């Protein structure tokens, strides 16, 4: 018997129509809760919804996590596991470079990323805080940098690419001077000093900087772990907001939520749901 033979399942057409309505452009941040007894087709329904995302919503990125699937549970060993799984299931890696940088910085083995790459990332993060994407494009244009040739699509990836552009040409002082002129309230010189006093970052290290090294957050105090998780959460939702800005809709599907580990339930109810109130996530279903 095929897993997807509809005649063996409860009629869920009403639920599917409701889900399709949530994907309408007029619908903003939305949450749908599906409740039914065991073996009544909830998993089938969620898989169907995921397929709808690929058609009705013109290919809206959709991440599905099954908290009863042993393969999924193997990856959900901690808070970071859920973040990584959502990122991977969305299958939009170019939007999550900033998240990967933050994960690499806060996870246990700090030697996995070179000091040079971390300092470049710190400067890129500071630029991101004080420039919008449009302002950065103007900044690049007046600095004789082809904005379209900077790698990435998100604000952070463009910032990181801009910093790397100046660094590779050994003209970082010129960038610092321009930044000081444009955003004089920020003390930019310490960022340059840290970069210029570390060994030159190789091309391989620059790739490593934006690739998750899959390290775990271990050997830290409770306060340090909470601080690290806050940084990871903020980076994840910033990347998600950038994805939404381009794709218009993103769908997160959680199957068997009641079986989720307590830590994962805490993330969903304590972080994900409150973020639905953020205007930048207005197209999240």
C-alpha atoms as a PDB file:
ATOM      1  CA  UNK A   1       0.000   0.000   0.000  1.00  0.00           C
ATOM      2  CA  UNK A   2       1.369   3.401  -0.953  1.00  0.00           C
ATOM      3  CA  UNK A   3       1.907   5.869   1.869  1.00  0.00           C
ATOM      4  CA  UNK A   4       0.036   8.532  -0.084  1.00  0.00           C
ATOM      5  CA  UNK A   5      -3.186   6.696  -1.072  1.00  0.00           C
ATOM      6  CA  UNK A   6      -5.782   9.262  -0.027  1.00  0.00           C
ATOM      7  CA  UNK A   7      -8.645   6.758   0.335  1.00  0.00           C
ATOM      8  CA  UNK A   8      -7.023   5.317   3.466  1.00  0.00           C
ATOM      9  CA  UNK A   9      -7.047   8.647   5.291  1.00  0.00           C
ATOM     10  CA  UNK A  10      -9.579  10.979   6.881  1.00  0.00           C
ATOM     11  CA  UNK A  11     -10.901  13.616   4.475  1.00  0.00           C
ATOM     12  CA  UNK A  12      -8.733  16.668   5.093  1.00  0.00           C
ATOM     13  CA  UNK A  13      -9.894  18.846   2.200  1.00  0.00           C
ATOM     14  CA  UNK A  14     -11.168  21.523   4.561  1.00  0.00           C
ATOM     15  CA  UNK A  15      -7.772  21.731   6.265  1.00  0.00           C
ATOM     16  CA  UNK A  16      -6.002  21.909   2.926  1.00  0.00           C
ATOM     17  CA  UNK A  17      -8.268  24.699   1.716  1.00  0.00           C
ATOM     18  CA  UNK A  18      -7.560  26.577   4.932  1.00  0.00           C
ATOM     19  CA  UNK A  19      -3.839  26.094   4.432  1.00  0.00           C
ATOM     20  CA  UNK A  20      -4.064  27.356   0.857  1.00  0.00           C
ATOM     21  CA  UNK A  21      -5.850  30.434   2.195  1.00  0.00           C
ATOM     22  CA  UNK A  22      -2.913  31.070   4.531  1.00  0.00           C
ATOM     23  CA  UNK A  23      -0.681  31.181   1.465  1.00  0.00           C
ATOM     24  CA  UNK A  24      -2.735  33.974  -0.089  1.00  0.00           C
ATOM     25  CA  UNK A  25      -0.868  37.301  -0.403  1.00  0.00           C
ATOM     26  CA  UNK A  26      -3.428  39.033   1.836  1.00  0.00           C
ATOM     27  CA  UNK A  27      -2.607  36.731   4.765  1.00  0.00           C
ATOM     28  CA  UNK A  28       0.143  37.861   7.131  1.00  0.00           C
ATOM     29  CA  UNK A  29       1.970  35.884   9.807  1.00  0.00           C
ATOM     30  CA  UNK A  30      -0.082  32.759  10.374  1.00  0.00           C
ATOM     31  CA  UNK A  31      -0.150  29.670  12.566  1.00  0.00           C
ATOM     32  CA  UNK A  32      -2.292  26.590  11.896  1.00  0.00           C
ATOM     33  CA  UNK A  33      -2.707  23.943  14.591  1.00  0.00           C
ATOM     34  CA  UNK A  34      -3.843  20.479  13.478  1.00  0.00           C
ATOM     35  CA  UNK A  35      -5.165  18.128  16.149  1.00  0.00           C
ATOM     36  CA  UNK A  36      -6.331  14.552  15.601  1.00  0.00           C
ATOM     37  CA  UNK A  37      -6.004  11.114  17.137  1.00  0.00           C
ATOM     38  CA  UNK A  38      -3.041   8.919  16.281  1.00  0.00           C
ATOM     39  CA  UNK A  39      -3.062   7.228  12.852  1.00  0.00           C
ATOM     40  CA  UNK A  40      -5.584   9.714  11.461  1.00  0.00           C
ATOM     41  CA  UNK A  41      -3.365  11.111   8.720  1.00  0.00           C
ATOM     42  CA  UNK A  42      -1.701  14.170  10.252  1.00  0.00           C
ATOM     43  CA  UNK A  43       1.689  13.301   8.764  1.00  0.00           C
ATOM     44  CA  UNK A  44       0.139  12.668   5.354  1.00  0.00           C
ATOM     45  CA  UNK A  45      -1.585  16.044   5.602  1.00  0.00           C
ATOM     46  CA  UNK A  46       1.627  17.886   6.464  1.00  0.00           C
ATOM     47  CA  UNK A  47       3.479  16.225   3.583  1.00  0.00           C
ATOM     48  CA  UNK A  48       0.613  17.309   1.325  1.00  0.00           C
ATOM     49  CA  UNK A  49       0.963  20.871   2.615  1.00  0.00           C
ATOM     50  CA  UNK A  50       4.661  20.819   1.853  1.00  0.00           C
ATOM     51  CA  UNK A  51       3.862  19.800  -1.716  1.00  0.00           C
ATOM     52  CA  UNK A  52       1.307  22.593  -1.999  1.00  0.00           C
ATOM     53  CA  UNK A  53       4.061  25.069  -1.116  1.00  0.00           C
ATOM     54  CA  UNK A  54       5.910  23.957  -4.226  1.00  0.00           C
ATOM     55  CA  UNK A  55       2.909  24.646  -6.454  1.00  0.00           C
ATOM     56  CA  UNK A  56       0.264  27.032  -5.095  1.00  0.00           C
ATOM     57  CA  UNK A  57       2.807  29.328  -3.470  1.00  0.00           C
ATOM     58  CA  UNK A  58       5.098  29.324  -6.508  1.00  0.00           C
ATOM     59  CA  UNK A  59       7.813  27.375  -4.794  1.00  0.00           C
ATOM     60  CA  UNK A  60       7.717  28.953  -1.343  1.00  0.00           C
ATOM     61  CA  UNK A  61      10.585  27.530   0.761  1.00  0.00           C
ATOM     62  CA  UNK A  62       9.150  25.035   3.255  1.00  0.00           C
ATOM     63  CA  UNK A  63      10.928  23.218   6.081  1.00  0.00           C
ATOM     64  CA  UNK A  64       9.267  20.129   7.570  1.00  0.00           C
ATOM     65  CA  UNK A  65      10.445  18.538  10.819  1.00  0.00           C
ATOM     66  CA  UNK A  66       8.937  15.328  12.201  1.00  0.00           C
ATOM     67  CA  UNK A  67       9.532  14.971  15.933  1.00  0.00           C
ATOM     68  CA  UNK A  68       8.729  11.259  15.735  1.00  0.00           C
ATOM     69  CA  UNK A  69      11.140  10.555  12.891  1.00  0.00           C
ATOM     70  CA  UNK A  70      14.281   8.862  14.313  1.00  0.00           C
ATOM     71  CA  UNK A  71      16.487  10.463  11.656  1.00  0.00           C
ATOM     72  CA  UNK A  72      15.262  13.935  12.562  1.00  0.00           C
ATOM     73  CA  UNK A  73      15.617  13.234  16.272  1.00  0.00           C
ATOM     74  CA  UNK A  74      19.253  12.225  15.821  1.00  0.00           C
ATOM     75  CA  UNK A  75      19.931  15.785  14.689  1.00  0.00           C
ATOM     76  CA  UNK A  76      17.888  17.421  17.448  1.00  0.00           C
ATOM     77  CA  UNK A  77      20.342  16.814  20.265  1.00  0.00           C
ATOM     78  CA  UNK A  78      20.293  20.432  21.427  1.00  0.00           C
ATOM     79  CA  UNK A  79      18.946  23.892  20.681  1.00  0.00           C
ATOM     80  CA  UNK A  80      21.470  24.376  17.899  1.00  0.00           C
ATOM     81  CA  UNK A  81      20.335  21.146  16.244  1.00  0.00           C
ATOM     82  CA  UNK A  82      16.851  22.554  15.598  1.00  0.00           C
ATOM     83  CA  UNK A  83      18.257  25.771  14.126  1.00  0.00           C
ATOM     84  CA  UNK A  84      20.555  23.828  11.821  1.00  0.00           C
ATOM     85  CA  UNK A  85      17.813  21.442  10.723  1.00  0.00           C
ATOM     86  CA  UNK A  86      15.414  24.289   9.891  1.00  0.00           C
ATOM     87  CA  UNK A  87      18.173  26.040   7.952  1.00  0.00           C
ATOM     88  CA  UNK A  88      19.043  22.907   5.981  1.00  0.00           C
ATOM     89  CA  UNK A  89      15.423  21.942   5.250  1.00  0.00           C
ATOM     90  CA  UNK A  90      14.707  25.392   3.805  1.00  0.00           C
ATOM     91  CA  UNK A  91      17.385  24.613   1.177  1.00  0.00           C
ATOM     92  CA  UNK A  92      18.408  28.256   0.743  1.00  0.00           C
ATOM     93  CA  UNK A  93      22.048  28.195   1.950  1.00  0.00           C
ATOM     94  CA  UNK A  94      22.992  31.524   0.388  1.00  0.00           C
ATOM     95  CA  UNK A  95      20.723  33.318   2.866  1.00  0.00           C
ATOM     96  CA  UNK A  96      22.274  31.821   5.999  1.00  0.00           C
ATOM     97  CA  UNK A  97      25.919  32.896   5.749  1.00  0.00           C
ATOM     98  CA  UNK A  98      25.511  35.241   8.720  1.00  0.00           C
ATOM     99  CA  UNK A  99      24.022  32.448  10.830  1.00  0.00           C
ATOM    100  CA  UNK A 100      26.924  30.161   9.958  1.00  0.00           C
ATOM    101  CA  UNK A 101      29.413  32.853  10.934  1.00  0.00           C
ATOM    102  CA  UNK A 102      27.757  33.297  14.316  1.00  0.00           C
ATOM    103  CA  UNK A 103      27.580  29.537  14.913  1.00  0.00           C
ATOM    104  CA  UNK A 104      31.265  29.122  14.069  1.00  0.00           C
ATOM    105  CA  UNK A 105      32.171  31.972  16.409  1.00  0.00           C
ATOM    106  CA  UNK A 106      30.309  30.734  19.464  1.00  0.00           C
ATOM    107  CA  UNK A 107      30.788  26.973  19.218  1.00  0.00           C
ATOM    108  CA  UNK A 108      33.392  25.170  21.262  1.00  0.00           C
ATOM    109  CA  UNK A 109      36.388  24.794  18.946  1.00  0.00           C
ATOM    110  CA  UNK A 110      37.187  28.421  18.157  1.00  0.00           C
ATOM    111  CA  UNK A 111      40.301  27.366  16.248  1.00  0.00           C
ATOM    112  CA  UNK A 112      38.030  26.011  13.496  1.00  0.00           C
ATOM    113  CA  UNK A 113      37.782  29.533  12.115  1.00  0.00           C
ATOM    114  CA  UNK A 114      40.943  31.610  11.797  1.00  0.00           C
ATOM    115  CA  UNK A 115      41.317  34.819  13.847  1.00  0.00           C
ATOM    116  CA  UNK A 116      41.405  36.743  10.581  1.00  0.00           C
ATOM    117  CA  UNK A 117      38.053  35.398   9.443  1.00  0.00           C
ATOM    118  CA  UNK A 118      36.437  36.174  12.803  1.00  0.00           C
ATOM    119  CA  UNK A 119      37.692  39.762  12.736  1.00  0.00           C
ATOM    120  CA  UNK A 120      36.486  40.268   9.179  1.00  0.00           C
ATOM    121  CA  UNK A 121      33.096  38.948  10.260  1.00  0.00           C
ATOM    122  CA  UNK A 122      33.022  41.323  13.238  1.00  0.00           C
ATOM    123  CA  UNK A 123      33.622  44.304  10.945  1.00  0.00           C
ATOM    124  CA  UNK A 124      30.948  43.049   8.530  1.00  0.00           C
ATOM    125  CA  UNK A 125      28.461  42.679  11.393  1.00  0.00           C
ATOM    126  CA  UNK A 126      29.139  46.249  12.531  1.00  0.00           C
ATOM    127  CA  UNK A 127      28.606  47.579   9.001  1.00  0.00           C
ATOM    128  CA  UNK A 128      25.338  45.638   8.848  1.00  0.00           C
ATOM    129  CA  UNK A 129      24.121  47.369  12.021  1.00  0.00           C
ATOM    130  CA  UNK A 130      24.437  50.885  10.598  1.00  0.00           C
ATOM    131  CA  UNK A 131      23.685  50.436   6.884  1.00  0.00           C
ATOM    132  CA  UNK A 132      20.604  49.291   5.030  1.00  0.00           C
ATOM    133  CA  UNK A 133      21.033  47.323   1.801  1.00  0.00           C
ATOM    134  CA  UNK A 134      20.204  50.427  -0.254  1.00  0.00           C
ATOM    135  CA  UNK A 135      22.652  52.554   1.735  1.00  0.00           C
ATOM    136  CA  UNK A 136      25.373  49.937   1.312  1.00  0.00           C
ATOM    137  CA  UNK A 137      24.780  49.902  -2.449  1.00  0.00           C
ATOM    138  CA  UNK A 138      25.209  53.682  -2.540  1.00  0.00           C
ATOM    139  CA  UNK A 139      28.321  53.416  -0.354  1.00  0.00           C
ATOM    140  CA  UNK A 140      29.860  50.834  -2.685  1.00  0.00           C
ATOM    141  CA  UNK A 141      29.027  52.871  -5.789  1.00  0.00           C
ATOM    142  CA  UNK A 142      30.748  55.989  -4.445  1.00  0.00           C
ATOM    143  CA  UNK A 143      33.701  53.808  -3.406  1.00  0.00           C
ATOM    144  CA  UNK A 144      34.101  52.557  -6.992  1.00  0.00           C
ATOM    145  CA  UNK A 145      33.043  49.031  -6.027  1.00  0.00           C
ATOM    146  CA  UNK A 146      30.632  47.134  -8.280  1.00  0.00           C
ATOM    147  CA  UNK A 147      27.852  46.277  -5.830  1.00  0.00           C
ATOM    148  CA  UNK A 148      26.439  43.616  -8.161  1.00  0.00           C
ATOM    149  CA  UNK A 149      29.771  41.781  -8.070  1.00  0.00           C
ATOM    150  CA  UNK A 150      29.764  41.468  -4.286  1.00  0.00           C
ATOM    151  CA  UNK A 151      28.836  37.895  -3.400  1.00  0.00           C
ATOM    152  CA  UNK A 152      25.581  37.020  -1.681  1.00  0.00           C
ATOM    153  CA  UNK A 153      22.076  38.437  -1.593  1.00  0.00           C
ATOM    154  CA  UNK A 154      21.595  39.357   2.070  1.00  0.00           C
ATOM    155  CA  UNK A 155      22.855  42.494   3.794  1.00  0.00           C
ATOM    156  CA  UNK A 156      25.393  40.562   5.864  1.00  0.00           C
ATOM    157  CA  UNK A 157      26.805  38.604   2.935  1.00  0.00           C
ATOM    158  CA  UNK A 158      27.223  41.839   0.969  1.00  0.00           C
ATOM    159  CA  UNK A 159      28.964  43.463   3.952  1.00  0.00           C
ATOM    160  CA  UNK A 160      31.280  40.485   4.380  1.00  0.00           C
ATOM    161  CA  UNK A 161      32.073  40.465   0.670  1.00  0.00           C
ATOM    162  CA  UNK A 162      32.797  44.213   0.736  1.00  0.00           C
ATOM    163  CA  UNK A 163      35.197  43.818   3.658  1.00  0.00           C
ATOM    164  CA  UNK A 164      36.891  40.909   1.899  1.00  0.00           C
ATOM    165  CA  UNK A 165      37.221  42.990  -1.287  1.00  0.00           C
ATOM    166  CA  UNK A 166      39.227  45.682   0.503  1.00  0.00           C
ATOM    167  CA  UNK A 167      41.174  43.172   2.588  1.00  0.00           C
ATOM    168  CA  UNK A 168      42.371  41.165  -0.408  1.00  0.00           C
ATOM    169  CA  UNK A 169      43.552  44.350  -2.100  1.00  0.00           C
ATOM    170  CA  UNK A 170      45.342  45.464   1.071  1.00  0.00           C
ATOM    171  CA  UNK A 171      43.341  48.697   1.067  1.00  0.00           C
ATOM    172  CA  UNK A 172      41.428  48.157   4.312  1.00  0.00           C
ATOM    173  CA  UNK A 173      42.517  51.592   5.667  1.00  0.00           C
ATOM    174  CA  UNK A 174      40.664  53.163   2.732  1.00  0.00           C
ATOM    175  CA  UNK A 175      37.476  51.333   3.741  1.00  0.00           C
ATOM    176  CA  UNK A 176      37.877  52.416   7.370  1.00  0.00           C
ATOM    177  CA  UNK A 177      38.338  56.033   6.265  1.00  0.00           C
ATOM    178  CA  UNK A 178      35.190  55.926   4.130  1.00  0.00           C
ATOM    179  CA  UNK A 179      33.206  54.279   6.917  1.00  0.00           C
ATOM    180  CA  UNK A 180      34.388  56.932   9.376  1.00  0.00           C
ATOM    181  CA  UNK A 181      33.196  59.632   7.003  1.00  0.00           C
ATOM    182  CA  UNK A 182      29.813  58.001   6.451  1.00  0.00           C
ATOM    183  CA  UNK A 183      29.147  56.804  10.016  1.00  0.00           C
ATOM    184  CA  UNK A 184      31.271  58.954  12.294  1.00  0.00           C
ATOM    185  CA  UNK A 185      29.422  57.869  15.439  1.00  0.00           C
ATOM    186  CA  UNK A 186      31.108  54.447  15.214  1.00  0.00           C
ATOM    187  CA  UNK A 187      34.755  53.949  16.189  1.00  0.00           C
ATOM    188  CA  UNK A 188      35.928  51.879  13.223  1.00  0.00           C
ATOM    189  CA  UNK A 189      39.662  51.852  13.877  1.00  0.00           C
ATOM    190  CA  UNK A 190      39.711  48.987  16.444  1.00  0.00           C
ATOM    191  CA  UNK A 191      38.110  46.689  13.858  1.00  0.00           C
ATOM    192  CA  UNK A 192      40.875  47.471  11.377  1.00  0.00           C
ATOM    193  CA  UNK A 193      43.600  47.110  14.003  1.00  0.00           C
ATOM    194  CA  UNK A 194      42.455  43.596  14.925  1.00  0.00           C
ATOM    195  CA  UNK A 195      42.328  42.524  11.282  1.00  0.00           C
ATOM    196  CA  UNK A 196      45.678  44.012  10.316  1.00  0.00           C
ATOM    197  CA  UNK A 197      47.534  42.426  13.244  1.00  0.00           C
ATOM    198  CA  UNK A 198      46.438  38.855  12.408  1.00  0.00           C
ATOM    199  CA  UNK A 199      47.863  36.540   9.717  1.00  0.00           C
ATOM    200  CA  UNK A 200      46.488  36.921   6.210  1.00  0.00           C
ATOM    201  CA  UNK A 201      43.376  34.811   5.678  1.00  0.00           C
ATOM    202  CA  UNK A 202      43.649  32.334   2.842  1.00  0.00           C
ATOM    203  CA  UNK A 203      40.928  31.809   0.242  1.00  0.00           C
ATOM    204  CA  UNK A 204      40.100  28.465   1.872  1.00  0.00           C
ATOM    205  CA  UNK A 205      39.669  30.180   5.248  1.00  0.00           C
ATOM    206  CA  UNK A 206      37.323  32.760   3.744  1.00  0.00           C
ATOM    207  CA  UNK A 207      35.109  29.906   2.524  1.00  0.00           C
ATOM    208  CA  UNK A 208      35.309  28.221   5.931  1.00  0.00           C
ATOM    209  CA  UNK A 209      34.141  31.444   7.551  1.00  0.00           C
ATOM    210  CA  UNK A 210      30.694  31.178   5.960  1.00  0.00           C
ATOM    211  CA  UNK A 211      30.394  27.375   6.089  1.00  0.00           C
ATOM    212  CA  UNK A 212      28.989  25.823   9.252  1.00  0.00           C
ATOM    213  CA  UNK A 213      31.747  23.692  10.774  1.00  0.00           C
ATOM    214  CA  UNK A 214      29.113  21.609  12.624  1.00  0.00           C
ATOM    215  CA  UNK A 215      30.720  22.084  16.021  1.00  0.00           C
ATOM    216  CA  UNK A 216      28.779  21.884  19.270  1.00  0.00           C
ATOM    217  CA  UNK A 217      28.404  24.424  22.033  1.00  0.00           C
ATOM    218  CA  UNK A 218      30.078  22.638  24.954  1.00  0.00           C
ATOM    219  CA  UNK A 219      32.216  23.467  27.966  1.00  0.00           C
ATOM    220  CA  UNK A 220      30.569  26.816  28.698  1.00  0.00           C
ATOM    221  CA  UNK A 221      28.686  28.164  31.695  1.00  0.00           C
ATOM    222  CA  UNK A 222      24.905  28.453  31.709  1.00  0.00           C
ATOM    223  CA  UNK A 223      25.136  32.228  31.281  1.00  0.00           C
ATOM    224  CA  UNK A 224      27.560  31.856  28.365  1.00  0.00           C
ATOM    225  CA  UNK A 225      25.301  29.283  26.730  1.00  0.00           C
ATOM    226  CA  UNK A 226      22.263  31.530  27.048  1.00  0.00           C
ATOM    227  CA  UNK A 227      24.210  34.427  25.535  1.00  0.00           C
ATOM    228  CA  UNK A 228      25.405  32.234  22.660  1.00  0.00           C
ATOM    229  CA  UNK A 229      21.892  30.937  21.999  1.00  0.00           C
ATOM    230  CA  UNK A 230      20.543  34.495  21.897  1.00  0.00           C
ATOM    231  CA  UNK A 231      23.145  35.419  19.285  1.00  0.00           C
ATOM    232  CA  UNK A 232      22.300  32.315  17.241  1.00  0.00           C
ATOM    233  CA  UNK A 233      18.554  32.998  17.475  1.00  0.00           C
ATOM    234  CA  UNK A 234      18.966  36.619  16.396  1.00  0.00           C
ATOM    235  CA  UNK A 235      21.143  35.617  13.447  1.00  0.00           C
ATOM    236  CA  UNK A 236      18.664  32.917  12.394  1.00  0.00           C
ATOM    237  CA  UNK A 237      15.706  35.289  12.378  1.00  0.00           C
ATOM    238  CA  UNK A 238      17.684  37.996  10.581  1.00  0.00           C
ATOM    239  CA  UNK A 239      18.547  35.485   7.861  1.00  0.00           C
ATOM    240  CA  UNK A 240      14.929  34.330   7.771  1.00  0.00           C
ATOM    241  CA  UNK A 241      13.775  37.930   7.352  1.00  0.00           C
ATOM    242  CA  UNK A 242      16.161  38.368   4.406  1.00  0.00           C
ATOM    243  CA  UNK A 243      14.820  35.173   2.838  1.00  0.00           C
ATOM    244  CA  UNK A 244      11.250  36.402   3.276  1.00  0.00           C
ATOM    245  CA  UNK A 245      12.123  39.730   1.677  1.00  0.00           C
ATOM    246  CA  UNK A 246      13.099  37.907  -1.518  1.00  0.00           C
ATOM    247  CA  UNK A 247      10.818  34.856  -1.542  1.00  0.00           C
ATOM    248  CA  UNK A 248       7.753  36.585  -0.041  1.00  0.00           C
ATOM    249  CA  UNK A 249       6.623  33.445   1.798  1.00  0.00           C
ATOM    250  CA  UNK A 250       8.292  30.822   3.978  1.00  0.00           C
ATOM    251  CA  UNK A 251       6.521  27.861   5.596  1.00  0.00           C
ATOM    252  CA  UNK A 252       7.688  25.936   8.676  1.00  0.00           C
ATOM    253  CA  UNK A 253       5.905  22.615   9.286  1.00  0.00           C
ATOM    254  CA  UNK A 254       6.260  20.831  12.631  1.00  0.00           C
ATOM    255  CA  UNK A 255       4.891  17.277  12.782  1.00  0.00           C
ATOM    256  CA  UNK A 256       4.170  15.576  16.146  1.00  0.00           C
ATOM    257  CA  UNK A 257       4.982  18.728  18.110  1.00  0.00           C
ATOM    258  CA  UNK A 258       3.823  17.053  21.317  1.00  0.00           C
ATOM    259  CA  UNK A 259       6.747  14.619  20.987  1.00  0.00           C
ATOM    260  CA  UNK A 260       9.345  17.374  20.569  1.00  0.00           C
ATOM    261  CA  UNK A 261      12.102  17.634  23.194  1.00  0.00           C
ATOM    262  CA  UNK A 262      11.376  20.229  25.864  1.00  0.00           C
ATOM    263  CA  UNK A 263      14.211  22.452  24.609  1.00  0.00           C
ATOM    264  CA  UNK A 264      12.781  22.491  21.084  1.00  0.00           C
ATOM    265  CA  UNK A 265       9.282  23.245  22.353  1.00  0.00           C
ATOM    266  CA  UNK A 266      10.791  26.123  24.313  1.00  0.00           C
ATOM    267  CA  UNK A 267      12.372  27.537  21.160  1.00  0.00           C
ATOM    268  CA  UNK A 268       9.139  27.291  19.171  1.00  0.00           C
ATOM    269  CA  UNK A 269       6.887  28.824  21.836  1.00  0.00           C
ATOM    270  CA  UNK A 270       9.428  31.152  23.450  1.00  0.00           C
ATOM    271  CA  UNK A 271      11.262  32.462  20.386  1.00  0.00           C
ATOM    272  CA  UNK A 272       9.652  31.479  17.093  1.00  0.00           C
ATOM    273  CA  UNK A 273       6.042  32.394  17.924  1.00  0.00           C
ATOM    274  CA  UNK A 274       6.952  35.793  19.474  1.00  0.00           C
ATOM    275  CA  UNK A 275       9.005  36.603  16.367  1.00  0.00           C
ATOM    276  CA  UNK A 276       5.822  36.259  14.322  1.00  0.00           C
ATOM    277  CA  UNK A 277       4.938  39.707  15.659  1.00  0.00           C
ATOM    278  CA  UNK A 278       8.002  41.159  13.915  1.00  0.00           C
ATOM    279  CA  UNK A 279       7.066  43.093  10.774  1.00  0.00           C
ATOM    280  CA  UNK A 280      10.061  41.627   8.914  1.00  0.00           C
ATOM    281  CA  UNK A 281       8.503  38.146   9.256  1.00  0.00           C
ATOM    282  CA  UNK A 282       5.040  39.118   8.070  1.00  0.00           C
ATOM    283  CA  UNK A 283       4.969  36.437   5.351  1.00  0.00           C
ATOM    284  CA  UNK A 284       5.871  33.515   7.622  1.00  0.00           C
ATOM    285  CA  UNK A 285       3.349  30.658   7.813  1.00  0.00           C
END
